[in-house]
Amino acid sequence: MESKAHPVDERLPLVKLIMLGLQHVLAMYAGAVTVPLVLAGALGLPKETTALLISADLFAGGVVSIIQSLGFGIFGIRYPLMMGVTFVAIGPMIAIGLNPELGLQGIFGSVMVAGVIGFLIAPLMSRLMRFFPPVVTGSVILVIGVSLMGVGITYAGGGYGAKEFGSPLYIGIAFLVLVSIVLISRFVRGFIGNISVLVGISIGFTLTAALGMVNFSGLSEAAWFAPVFPFHFGMPKFDILAITSMTLVMIVTLIESMGGIFAMGEIIDKKPTQDDVKRGLRTDGLGALIGGIFNTFPYTTFSQNIGLVDVSGVRSRFVCVAAGFMMILLGLIPKLAIFVASIPDFVLGGATLVMFGMVAANGVRILQSVDFRTKRHNVMIVAVSLGMGMIPMVSDKFFARFPSDIGTLLNSGVALCAISAIVLNYLSNGRISAAEAEQVIRDSATTSH
């Protein structure tokens, strides 16, 4: 009898694939373009350069998402994962870009080298699976979700730099989107229920357009097609200090990606093996290399899309492959990119609150399988790890007087939580073999589902 394919390998009809893929693109779009927007503003770049950085970001992000979800040889975990520029890199890239001897070429050069290093150390990072039992993965995934809630709340209030931030109208529309998603997900079955996030965003967008709150400026002037050329801003520059800083970003990114991989493994009920993790992390390194070549930045798994998979219930990786192609189109068709970018942040805010909350909830679900009764030290592991992970969220100036070289690590709540949980778990529970680690993760999945 022929075995049934896992839902992650399910091939969907074209119309469903397009709609579900579009939902993923809309879910991540605001976050995907935030890094180039923030960087361009900090460096004082002209509007034309900013547009080029956004197009390059979308193009490269689509390519890397396809590689991660579809899989090519030693690259790609073959999970429904979307790849976007990591927020961890913003600070170091601004510092590099403000150096008149380096500029954008220095950023791209350091990103490329960090990507190669990330590729080389991916097998080493994947061996750390034995240090990631449920007490660690649950804590890390919970912190990922909680840390991202701040982004969703900012979007719901109007977005970064909004002149009327906190307007009751903004918050009301964000709440309408959130309620629409919850009601559709709860009471509507079939395909519409699967695209509840897309429907919710569409309801919010339609309302804001009717109220005249959508800004379509630049749409008529934008070109229909504009290729993304490698090394558009000139050949990259390589500086040892810039490379060192970006390599630290790469290490933090790999740690965060491991959390994303484990979270997705729980959601799709397909736990990652050491080889899976190795392929997934290699793609992070490859993504940074591709990013540097195509005038953009390091890539990591986007947590809002992980939450979206849980909300929609659709586990097919080919949905993210389709979304990857859409991102490439957005990068190559500026007019289409500007239209999607016209969706107000507060509309997206209602959706991101749901999706980031789902990521945090999955962390709680994993922690349910942890033995807190007979191993009371597990309570201490979770308590301290969550406390460490909350530091950068509660006080972004907490480590301001520490050396800038380690600032990237100290200002990543996910990295602080992961390091704390790994060390405390090792001291309390010891190390287990990789095979035992995989079995523990499988057992926890059975318990949590």
Protein backbone atom coordinates (compact mmCIF):
# COMPACT_ATOMS: atom_id res chain seq x y z
CA MET A 1 0.00 0.00 0.00
CA GLU A 2 1.38 3.40 -0.99
CA SER A 3 2.14 5.63 2.00
CA LYS A 4 0.42 8.98 2.14
CA ALA A 5 2.64 12.01 1.69
CA HIS A 6 3.17 14.28 4.67
CA PRO A 7 1.02 17.47 4.54
CA VAL A 8 4.23 19.51 4.22
CA ASP A 9 4.74 17.95 0.77
CA GLU A 10 1.13 18.41 -0.37
CA ARG A 11 0.74 20.02 -3.80
CA LEU A 12 -2.26 22.35 -3.92
CA PRO A 13 -4.35 23.61 -6.87
CA LEU A 14 -2.94 26.71 -8.53
CA VAL A 15 -5.65 29.15 -7.36
CA LYS A 16 -5.31 28.04 -3.75
CA LEU A 17 -1.54 28.18 -4.02
CA ILE A 18 -1.65 31.77 -5.27
CA MET A 19 -4.09 32.96 -2.62
CA LEU A 20 -2.26 31.25 0.24
CA GLY A 21 1.09 32.48 -1.06
CA LEU A 22 -0.22 36.04 -1.27
CA GLN A 23 -1.33 35.75 2.34
CA HIS A 24 2.26 34.93 3.35
CA VAL A 25 3.63 37.85 1.36
CA LEU A 26 1.22 40.33 2.94
CA ALA A 27 1.96 38.92 6.40
CA MET A 28 5.68 39.57 6.08
CA TYR A 29 5.78 42.58 3.74
CA ALA A 30 5.93 45.33 6.35
CA GLY A 31 8.68 43.55 8.26
CA ALA A 32 10.54 42.71 5.06
CA VAL A 33 10.87 46.34 3.97
CA THR A 34 11.47 47.81 7.43
CA VAL A 35 15.22 47.15 7.50
CA PRO A 36 16.06 48.90 4.20
CA LEU A 37 13.73 51.79 5.17
CA VAL A 38 15.36 52.24 8.58
CA LEU A 39 18.87 51.87 7.15
CA ALA A 40 18.21 54.34 4.33
CA GLY A 41 16.82 56.87 6.80
CA ALA A 42 19.79 56.53 9.14
CA LEU A 43 22.30 56.90 6.30
CA GLY A 44 20.41 59.77 4.65
CA LEU A 45 20.05 57.95 1.34
CA PRO A 46 17.94 59.47 -1.48
CA LYS A 47 14.52 58.08 -2.37
CA GLU A 48 15.83 56.39 -5.55
CA THR A 49 18.46 54.48 -3.58
CA THR A 50 15.90 53.51 -0.95
CA ALA A 51 13.62 52.10 -3.67
CA LEU A 52 16.51 50.08 -5.08
CA LEU A 53 17.31 48.63 -1.65
CA ILE A 54 13.66 47.62 -1.14
CA SER A 55 13.44 45.98 -4.58
CA ALA A 56 16.70 44.12 -3.99
CA ASP A 57 15.50 43.03 -0.55
CA LEU A 58 12.26 41.57 -1.93
CA PHE A 59 14.00 39.92 -4.88
CA ALA A 60 16.72 38.23 -2.81
CA GLY A 61 14.25 37.33 -0.06
CA GLY A 62 12.09 35.55 -2.60
CA VAL A 63 15.04 33.60 -3.97
CA VAL A 64 16.19 32.51 -0.50
CA SER A 65 12.63 31.58 0.54
CA ILE A 66 12.32 29.30 -2.49
CA ILE A 67 15.66 27.65 -1.69
CA GLN A 68 14.65 27.14 1.97
CA SER A 69 11.19 25.73 1.24
CA LEU A 70 11.82 23.79 -1.96
CA GLY A 71 15.31 22.53 -1.18
CA PHE A 72 18.31 22.22 -3.46
CA GLY A 73 20.95 19.64 -2.57
CA ILE A 74 22.61 20.60 0.72
CA PHE A 75 20.47 23.74 1.02
CA GLY A 76 16.89 24.13 2.23
CA ILE A 77 15.09 22.45 5.13
CA ARG A 78 11.99 21.83 2.96
CA TYR A 79 9.64 23.35 5.53
CA PRO A 80 7.06 26.10 4.81
CA LEU A 81 9.42 28.89 5.88
CA MET A 82 9.71 32.44 4.56
CA MET A 83 13.02 34.28 4.73
CA GLY A 84 13.30 37.99 5.48
CA VAL A 85 16.04 40.42 6.50
CA THR A 86 16.98 40.02 10.15
CA PHE A 87 16.37 43.00 12.44
CA VAL A 88 19.49 42.02 14.41
CA ALA A 89 21.69 43.45 11.64
CA ILE A 90 20.28 47.00 11.70
CA GLY A 91 22.61 48.49 14.33
CA PRO A 92 25.90 47.10 12.98
CA MET A 93 24.96 47.94 9.38
CA ILE A 94 24.20 51.55 10.28
CA ALA A 95 27.58 51.80 12.02
CA ILE A 96 29.35 50.37 8.96
CA GLY A 97 27.38 52.52 6.52
CA LEU A 98 28.17 55.73 8.40
CA ASN A 99 31.89 55.08 7.94
CA PRO A 100 32.76 57.25 4.90
CA GLU A 101 35.43 54.78 3.82
CA LEU A 102 32.99 51.88 3.69
CA GLY A 103 29.39 52.99 3.04
CA LEU A 104 27.01 50.56 1.38
CA GLN A 105 29.88 48.65 -0.24
CA GLY A 106 31.30 47.95 3.21
CA ILE A 107 27.91 46.65 4.39
CA PHE A 108 27.54 44.31 1.43
CA GLY A 109 31.13 43.06 1.71
CA SER A 110 30.78 42.22 5.40
CA VAL A 111 27.40 40.54 4.78
CA MET A 112 28.91 38.33 2.07
CA VAL A 113 31.84 37.18 4.21
CA ALA A 114 29.56 36.60 7.21
CA GLY A 115 27.35 34.47 4.95
CA VAL A 116 30.29 32.27 3.94
CA ILE A 117 31.26 31.89 7.61
CA GLY A 118 27.64 31.08 8.48
CA PHE A 119 27.62 28.36 5.82
CA LEU A 120 30.84 26.87 7.19
CA ILE A 121 29.71 26.80 10.84
CA ALA A 122 26.17 25.54 10.10
CA PRO A 123 27.15 21.87 10.72
CA LEU A 124 28.65 22.87 14.07
CA MET A 125 25.51 24.78 15.03
CA SER A 126 23.31 21.84 14.01
CA ARG A 127 25.16 19.59 16.47
CA LEU A 128 23.80 21.80 19.24
CA MET A 129 20.45 20.01 18.87
CA ARG A 130 21.36 17.89 21.88
CA PHE A 131 21.32 21.09 23.93
CA PHE A 132 17.76 21.92 22.84
CA PRO A 133 15.31 19.74 24.83
CA PRO A 134 11.75 21.08 25.29
CA VAL A 135 12.66 23.22 28.32
CA VAL A 136 15.07 25.14 26.07
CA THR A 137 13.09 25.21 22.82
CA GLY A 138 9.87 26.15 24.61
CA SER A 139 11.56 29.06 26.38
CA VAL A 140 13.23 30.32 23.19
CA ILE A 141 10.08 30.10 21.07
CA LEU A 142 8.06 31.85 23.78
CA VAL A 143 10.58 34.71 23.84
CA ILE A 144 10.56 34.94 20.03
CA GLY A 145 6.79 35.44 20.08
CA VAL A 146 6.78 37.87 23.01
CA SER A 147 9.67 39.91 21.57
CA LEU A 148 7.82 40.35 18.29
CA MET A 149 4.61 41.50 19.97
CA GLY A 150 6.18 44.95 20.30
CA VAL A 151 6.43 45.16 16.52
CA GLY A 152 2.79 44.13 16.09
CA ILE A 153 1.64 46.67 18.71
CA THR A 154 3.64 49.43 17.00
CA TYR A 155 2.02 48.58 13.66
CA ALA A 156 -1.44 48.56 15.28
CA GLY A 157 -0.80 52.03 16.70
CA GLY A 158 0.02 53.44 13.26
CA GLY A 159 3.52 52.19 12.51
CA TYR A 160 7.01 53.52 13.04
CA GLY A 161 7.17 57.31 12.66
CA ALA A 162 3.39 57.75 12.43
CA LYS A 163 2.43 61.38 13.12
CA GLU A 164 -0.83 60.41 14.83
CA PHE A 165 0.48 57.29 16.52
CA GLY A 166 -2.10 55.79 18.87
CA SER A 167 -5.06 57.32 17.04
CA PRO A 168 -8.30 55.58 18.11
CA LEU A 169 -9.13 55.16 14.43
CA TYR A 170 -5.85 53.32 13.77
CA ILE A 171 -6.33 51.08 16.77
CA GLY A 172 -9.99 50.52 15.92
CA ILE A 173 -9.18 49.33 12.39
CA ALA A 174 -6.37 47.10 13.71
CA PHE A 175 -8.86 45.63 16.20
CA LEU A 176 -11.39 45.08 13.39
CA VAL A 177 -8.78 43.16 11.41
CA LEU A 178 -7.87 41.08 14.46
CA VAL A 179 -11.51 40.26 15.27
CA SER A 180 -12.22 39.42 11.62
CA ILE A 181 -9.33 36.94 11.56
CA VAL A 182 -10.43 35.31 14.82
CA LEU A 183 -14.08 34.99 13.74
CA ILE A 184 -13.26 33.70 10.25
CA SER A 185 -10.74 31.21 11.63
CA ARG A 186 -13.26 30.01 14.23
CA PHE A 187 -16.51 29.84 12.28
CA VAL A 188 -15.62 29.55 8.58
CA ARG A 189 -14.51 26.21 7.20
CA GLY A 190 -12.66 25.27 4.02
CA PHE A 191 -10.47 27.50 1.90
CA ILE A 192 -11.82 30.81 3.23
CA GLY A 193 -11.00 29.71 6.75
CA ASN A 194 -7.45 28.91 5.65
CA ILE A 195 -6.95 32.44 4.31
CA SER A 196 -8.48 34.17 7.32
CA VAL A 197 -5.46 36.48 7.66
CA LEU A 198 -5.67 37.56 4.01
CA VAL A 199 -9.42 38.16 4.31
CA GLY A 200 -8.92 40.15 7.51
CA ILE A 201 -6.25 42.34 5.88
CA SER A 202 -8.51 42.81 2.84
CA ILE A 203 -11.38 43.97 5.06
CA GLY A 204 -9.12 46.49 6.79
CA PHE A 205 -7.61 47.69 3.51
CA THR A 206 -11.04 48.13 1.89
CA LEU A 207 -12.27 50.18 4.85
CA THR A 208 -9.18 52.42 4.94
CA ALA A 209 -9.37 52.96 1.18
CA ALA A 210 -13.04 53.95 1.49
CA LEU A 211 -12.07 56.42 4.23
CA GLY A 212 -9.37 57.91 2.00
CA MET A 213 -6.58 56.76 4.33
CA VAL A 214 -4.52 54.87 1.75
CA ASN A 215 -1.57 56.73 0.21
CA PHE A 216 -0.95 55.62 -3.37
CA SER A 217 1.73 58.25 -4.02
CA GLY A 218 4.42 57.09 -6.41
CA LEU A 219 2.24 54.39 -7.94
CA SER A 220 1.67 56.13 -11.28
CA GLU A 221 5.33 57.13 -11.64
CA ALA A 222 6.72 53.69 -10.78
CA ALA A 223 8.05 51.49 -13.58
CA TRP A 224 6.37 48.24 -14.54
CA PHE A 225 9.67 46.40 -14.71
CA ALA A 226 13.14 47.09 -13.29
CA PRO A 227 15.79 44.34 -13.08
CA VAL A 228 17.88 43.84 -9.94
CA PHE A 229 21.56 43.84 -10.87
CA PRO A 230 24.32 42.36 -8.67
CA PHE A 231 26.82 44.86 -7.25
CA HIS A 232 24.64 47.77 -8.38
CA PHE A 233 26.45 50.15 -6.02
CA GLY A 234 29.93 48.98 -7.01
CA MET A 235 32.23 46.21 -5.89
CA PRO A 236 32.03 45.32 -2.17
CA LYS A 237 34.59 46.52 0.35
CA PHE A 238 36.03 44.22 2.99
CA ASP A 239 36.95 45.54 6.43
CA ILE A 240 38.03 43.22 9.25
CA LEU A 241 36.10 45.07 11.98
CA ALA A 242 32.95 45.25 9.85
CA ILE A 243 33.27 41.56 9.03
CA THR A 244 33.74 40.69 12.71
CA SER A 245 30.62 42.65 13.67
CA MET A 246 28.54 41.07 10.93
CA THR A 247 29.82 37.59 11.79
CA LEU A 248 28.46 38.06 15.29
CA VAL A 249 25.15 39.03 13.70
CA MET A 250 25.34 35.80 11.68
CA ILE A 251 25.83 33.70 14.82
CA VAL A 252 22.86 35.36 16.52
CA THR A 253 20.82 34.86 13.35
CA LEU A 254 21.65 31.14 13.29
CA ILE A 255 20.54 30.82 16.92
CA GLU A 256 17.26 32.59 16.14
CA SER A 257 16.76 30.47 13.03
CA MET A 258 17.14 27.30 15.09
CA GLY A 259 14.31 28.55 17.27
CA GLY A 260 12.20 29.20 14.17
CA ILE A 261 12.99 25.76 12.76
CA PHE A 262 11.98 24.02 15.99
CA ALA A 263 8.82 26.12 16.18
CA MET A 264 7.81 25.17 12.65
CA GLY A 265 8.64 21.53 13.32
CA GLU A 266 6.12 21.57 16.16
CA ILE A 267 3.44 23.25 14.06
CA ILE A 268 3.71 20.94 11.05
CA ASP A 269 4.28 17.86 13.23
CA LYS A 270 7.53 17.03 11.46
CA LYS A 271 10.40 17.31 13.89
CA PRO A 272 13.74 18.43 12.42
CA THR A 273 16.65 16.02 12.37
CA GLN A 274 20.24 17.18 12.68
CA ASP A 275 20.57 17.04 8.86
CA ASP A 276 17.40 19.13 8.50
CA VAL A 277 18.76 21.79 10.83
CA LYS A 278 22.09 21.73 8.99
CA ARG A 279 20.40 22.36 5.62
CA GLY A 280 18.23 25.09 7.09
CA LEU A 281 21.15 26.94 8.69
CA ARG A 282 23.28 26.57 5.58
CA THR A 283 20.53 28.45 3.77
CA ASP A 284 20.91 31.33 6.23
CA GLY A 285 24.57 31.55 5.24
CA LEU A 286 23.73 31.26 1.54
CA GLY A 287 21.02 33.90 1.99
CA ALA A 288 23.52 36.39 3.38
CA LEU A 289 25.90 35.70 0.49
CA ILE A 290 23.09 36.18 -2.04
CA GLY A 291 22.01 39.29 -0.14
CA GLY A 292 25.46 40.87 -0.33
CA ILE A 293 25.75 40.13 -4.04
CA PHE A 294 22.33 41.63 -4.83
CA ASN A 295 22.75 44.78 -2.71
CA THR A 296 20.85 43.67 0.37
CA PHE A 297 21.28 42.08 3.79
CA PRO A 298 21.35 38.86 5.93
CA TYR A 299 18.21 36.69 5.92
CA THR A 300 16.52 34.60 8.59
CA THR A 301 13.23 32.75 9.10
CA PHE A 302 10.31 35.17 9.65
CA SER A 303 8.29 34.35 12.75
CA GLN A 304 5.09 36.01 11.52
CA ASN A 305 4.92 33.42 8.74
CA ILE A 306 5.51 30.62 11.24
CA GLY A 307 2.49 31.90 13.16
CA LEU A 308 0.52 32.16 9.93
CA VAL A 309 1.06 28.46 9.19
CA ASP A 310 -0.44 27.68 12.60
CA VAL A 311 -3.38 30.06 12.09
CA SER A 312 -4.21 28.84 8.58
CA GLY A 313 -3.60 25.14 9.23
CA VAL A 314 -2.01 24.82 5.76
CA ARG A 315 1.35 23.07 6.08
CA SER A 316 2.37 22.70 2.44
CA ARG A 317 5.86 24.07 1.78
CA PHE A 318 4.86 24.80 -1.82
CA VAL A 319 2.74 27.70 -0.53
CA CYS A 320 5.96 29.40 0.59
CA VAL A 321 7.59 28.51 -2.73
CA ALA A 322 4.74 30.35 -4.46
CA ALA A 323 5.14 33.25 -2.03
CA GLY A 324 8.85 33.34 -2.87
CA PHE A 325 8.07 33.79 -6.56
CA MET A 326 5.63 36.57 -5.68
CA MET A 327 8.36 38.35 -3.72
CA ILE A 328 10.64 38.10 -6.74
CA LEU A 329 7.90 39.67 -8.86
CA LEU A 330 7.46 42.45 -6.32
CA GLY A 331 11.18 43.09 -6.52
CA LEU A 332 11.12 43.20 -10.31
CA ILE A 333 7.84 45.16 -10.68
CA PRO A 334 8.14 48.42 -8.69
CA LYS A 335 4.54 49.42 -9.45
CA LEU A 336 3.21 46.24 -7.88
CA ALA A 337 5.56 46.61 -4.92
CA ILE A 338 4.34 50.15 -4.24
CA PHE A 339 0.69 49.02 -4.39
CA VAL A 340 1.30 46.33 -1.75
CA ALA A 341 3.36 48.79 0.28
CA SER A 342 0.36 51.14 0.34
CA ILE A 343 -1.43 48.87 2.84
CA PRO A 344 -1.34 50.92 6.07
CA ASP A 345 0.75 49.57 8.94
CA PHE A 346 -2.22 49.64 11.33
CA VAL A 347 -4.08 47.24 9.03
CA LEU A 348 -1.15 44.84 9.14
CA GLY A 349 -0.90 45.40 12.89
CA GLY A 350 -4.13 43.56 13.61
CA ALA A 351 -2.85 40.54 11.68
CA THR A 352 0.64 40.52 13.20
CA LEU A 353 -0.76 40.55 16.73
CA VAL A 354 -2.55 37.27 15.97
CA MET A 355 0.46 35.66 14.27
CA PHE A 356 3.08 36.70 16.82
CA GLY A 357 0.75 35.57 19.58
CA MET A 358 0.51 32.15 17.93
CA VAL A 359 4.32 31.85 18.01
CA ALA A 360 4.36 32.63 21.74
CA ALA A 361 1.50 30.19 22.33
CA ASN A 362 3.51 27.43 20.66
CA GLY A 363 6.30 28.07 23.14
CA VAL A 364 3.81 27.60 25.97
CA ARG A 365 2.53 24.42 24.33
CA ILE A 366 6.04 22.95 24.20
CA LEU A 367 6.68 23.84 27.85
CA GLN A 368 3.60 21.80 28.81
CA SER A 369 5.62 18.65 28.14
CA VAL A 370 8.42 19.68 30.54
CA ASP A 371 8.64 17.87 33.87
CA PHE A 372 8.26 20.66 36.41
CA ARG A 373 6.98 18.42 39.21
CA THR A 374 9.91 16.05 39.85
CA LYS A 375 12.59 18.31 38.29
CA ARG A 376 11.94 21.62 39.99
CA HIS A 377 15.14 23.10 38.56
CA ASN A 378 13.33 23.24 35.21
CA VAL A 379 11.20 26.03 36.70
CA MET A 380 14.39 27.98 37.43
CA ILE A 381 15.67 27.38 33.88
CA VAL A 382 12.50 28.82 32.35
CA ALA A 383 12.27 31.69 34.84
CA VAL A 384 15.85 32.91 34.38
CA SER A 385 15.84 32.39 30.60
CA LEU A 386 12.62 34.37 30.16
CA GLY A 387 13.98 37.11 32.41
CA MET A 388 17.18 37.37 30.37
CA GLY A 389 15.21 37.37 27.12
CA MET A 390 13.01 40.21 28.35
CA ILE A 391 15.91 42.58 29.14
CA PRO A 392 16.30 44.17 25.65
CA MET A 393 12.51 44.40 25.29
CA VAL A 394 11.99 46.22 28.57
CA SER A 395 15.08 48.45 28.45
CA ASP A 396 16.93 49.01 25.19
CA LYS A 397 19.57 51.06 27.05
CA PHE A 398 20.34 48.35 29.60
CA PHE A 399 23.63 47.36 27.92
CA ALA A 400 24.40 50.78 26.48
CA ARG A 401 27.67 51.09 28.43
CA PHE A 402 28.99 47.70 27.37
CA PRO A 403 31.52 47.39 24.50
CA SER A 404 29.82 47.88 21.14
CA ASP A 405 31.52 44.74 19.81
CA ILE A 406 29.22 42.55 21.90
CA GLY A 407 26.23 44.87 21.68
CA THR A 408 24.62 42.79 18.92
CA LEU A 409 24.56 39.73 21.15
CA LEU A 410 23.44 41.53 24.30
CA ASN A 411 20.61 43.34 22.53
CA SER A 412 19.07 40.17 21.12
CA GLY A 413 16.54 38.86 23.61
CA VAL A 414 16.31 35.58 21.70
CA ALA A 415 20.07 35.03 21.87
CA LEU A 416 20.21 35.89 25.58
CA CYS A 417 17.33 33.52 26.31
CA ALA A 418 18.86 30.71 24.23
CA ILE A 419 22.30 31.01 25.82
CA SER A 420 20.82 31.18 29.34
CA ALA A 421 18.52 28.20 28.77
CA ILE A 422 21.26 26.07 27.18
CA VAL A 423 23.79 26.76 29.97
CA LEU A 424 21.31 26.31 32.81
CA ASN A 425 19.87 23.14 31.27
CA TYR A 426 23.37 21.69 30.85
CA LEU A 427 24.25 22.48 34.47
CA SER A 428 20.95 21.07 35.77
CA ASN A 429 20.13 18.20 33.43
CA GLY A 430 23.42 17.47 31.69
CA ARG A 431 23.95 16.75 28.03
CA ILE A 432 22.11 14.06 26.11
CA SER A 433 23.00 12.44 22.81
CA ALA A 434 21.71 13.81 19.51
CA ALA A 435 19.53 10.71 19.05
CA GLU A 436 18.05 11.14 22.53
CA ALA A 437 17.45 14.82 21.83
CA GLU A 438 15.48 14.01 18.67
CA GLN A 439 13.42 11.42 20.60
CA VAL A 440 12.67 13.92 23.38
CA ILE A 441 11.49 16.43 20.81
CA ARG A 442 9.25 13.81 19.16
CA ASP A 443 7.80 12.82 22.55
CA SER A 444 7.11 16.45 23.42
CA ALA A 445 5.34 16.94 20.10
CA THR A 446 3.11 13.96 20.82
CA THR A 447 2.26 15.39 24.23
CA SER A 448 1.64 18.92 22.99
CA HIS A 449 -0.53 17.94 20.07
